[in-house]
Amino acid sequence: MIAQLATRVLIRLQHHAWNVRLRLEPIDERGGGRNTDEGFHISAGAVIAGVITAGVAAFVADKLGALK
């Protein structure tokens, strides 16, 4: 029982220490991190959308006989 209480108190202290550390550290505004990841996801989505659009356009053009 006391070991569990000590563990819970230690976890709570570590959680609060982490929150204080995050609030006191300087913010890095040079880029990277989440914004870079979002840019990669947006770029990948644009590439995938372009591939799908090209495939659909080729399919329609083939059905219309424009590629023969």
Protein backbone atom coordinates (compact mmCIF):
# COMPACT_ATOMS: atom_id res chain seq x y z
CA MET A 1 0.00 0.00 0.00
CA ILE A 2 2.76 2.46 0.92
CA ALA A 3 4.79 1.46 -2.15
CA GLN A 4 1.80 2.18 -4.40
CA LEU A 5 1.23 5.53 -2.73
CA ALA A 6 4.91 6.43 -3.09
CA THR A 7 4.82 5.47 -6.77
CA ARG A 8 1.70 7.56 -7.39
CA VAL A 9 3.26 10.55 -5.60
CA LEU A 10 6.47 10.18 -7.62
CA ILE A 11 4.53 9.99 -10.88
CA ARG A 12 2.52 13.08 -9.93
CA LEU A 13 5.71 15.00 -9.05
CA GLN A 14 7.33 14.03 -12.35
CA HIS A 15 4.23 15.15 -14.22
CA HIS A 16 4.24 18.55 -12.52
CA ALA A 17 7.99 18.96 -13.03
CA TRP A 18 7.55 18.20 -16.73
CA ASN A 19 4.77 20.79 -17.04
CA VAL A 20 6.89 23.44 -15.32
CA ARG A 21 9.85 22.61 -17.57
CA LEU A 22 7.72 22.95 -20.70
CA ARG A 23 6.42 26.34 -19.57
CA LEU A 24 9.86 27.73 -18.72
CA GLU A 25 11.84 26.56 -21.75
CA PRO A 26 12.25 29.02 -24.60
CA ILE A 27 10.05 28.41 -27.64
CA ASP A 28 11.95 27.42 -30.78
CA GLU A 29 10.53 29.42 -33.68
CA ARG A 30 13.05 28.24 -36.27
CA GLY A 31 10.74 25.62 -37.75
CA GLY A 32 10.76 21.88 -37.66
CA GLY A 33 8.61 19.79 -35.42
CA ARG A 34 4.90 19.75 -35.95
CA ASN A 35 4.78 22.36 -38.71
CA THR A 36 7.28 20.45 -40.82
CA ASP A 37 5.31 17.24 -40.34
CA GLU A 38 2.12 19.00 -41.39
CA GLY A 39 3.88 20.30 -44.50
CA PHE A 40 5.00 16.79 -45.41
CA HIS A 41 1.47 15.47 -44.98
CA ILE A 42 -0.02 18.27 -47.06
CA SER A 43 2.57 17.68 -49.79
CA ALA A 44 1.96 13.94 -49.80
CA GLY A 45 -1.79 14.53 -50.02
CA ALA A 46 -1.30 16.86 -52.98
CA VAL A 47 0.87 14.31 -54.78
CA ILE A 48 -1.63 11.52 -54.15
CA ALA A 49 -4.51 13.72 -55.33
CA GLY A 50 -2.54 14.55 -58.50
CA VAL A 51 -1.91 10.89 -59.23
CA ILE A 52 -5.58 10.04 -58.73
CA THR A 53 -6.65 12.95 -60.96
CA ALA A 54 -4.23 11.92 -63.70
CA GLY A 55 -5.45 8.32 -63.53
CA VAL A 56 -9.11 9.32 -63.73
CA ALA A 57 -8.39 11.71 -66.59
CA ALA A 58 -6.53 8.97 -68.50
CA PHE A 59 -9.40 6.53 -67.89
CA VAL A 60 -11.98 9.01 -69.16
CA ALA A 61 -9.84 9.94 -72.15
CA ASP A 62 -9.40 6.25 -73.00
CA LYS A 63 -13.18 5.64 -72.78
CA LEU A 64 -13.81 8.65 -75.04
CA GLY A 65 -11.28 7.31 -77.54
CA ALA A 66 -8.93 10.27 -77.23
CA LEU A 67 -5.90 8.06 -76.64
CA LYS A 68 -6.36 5.85 -79.74
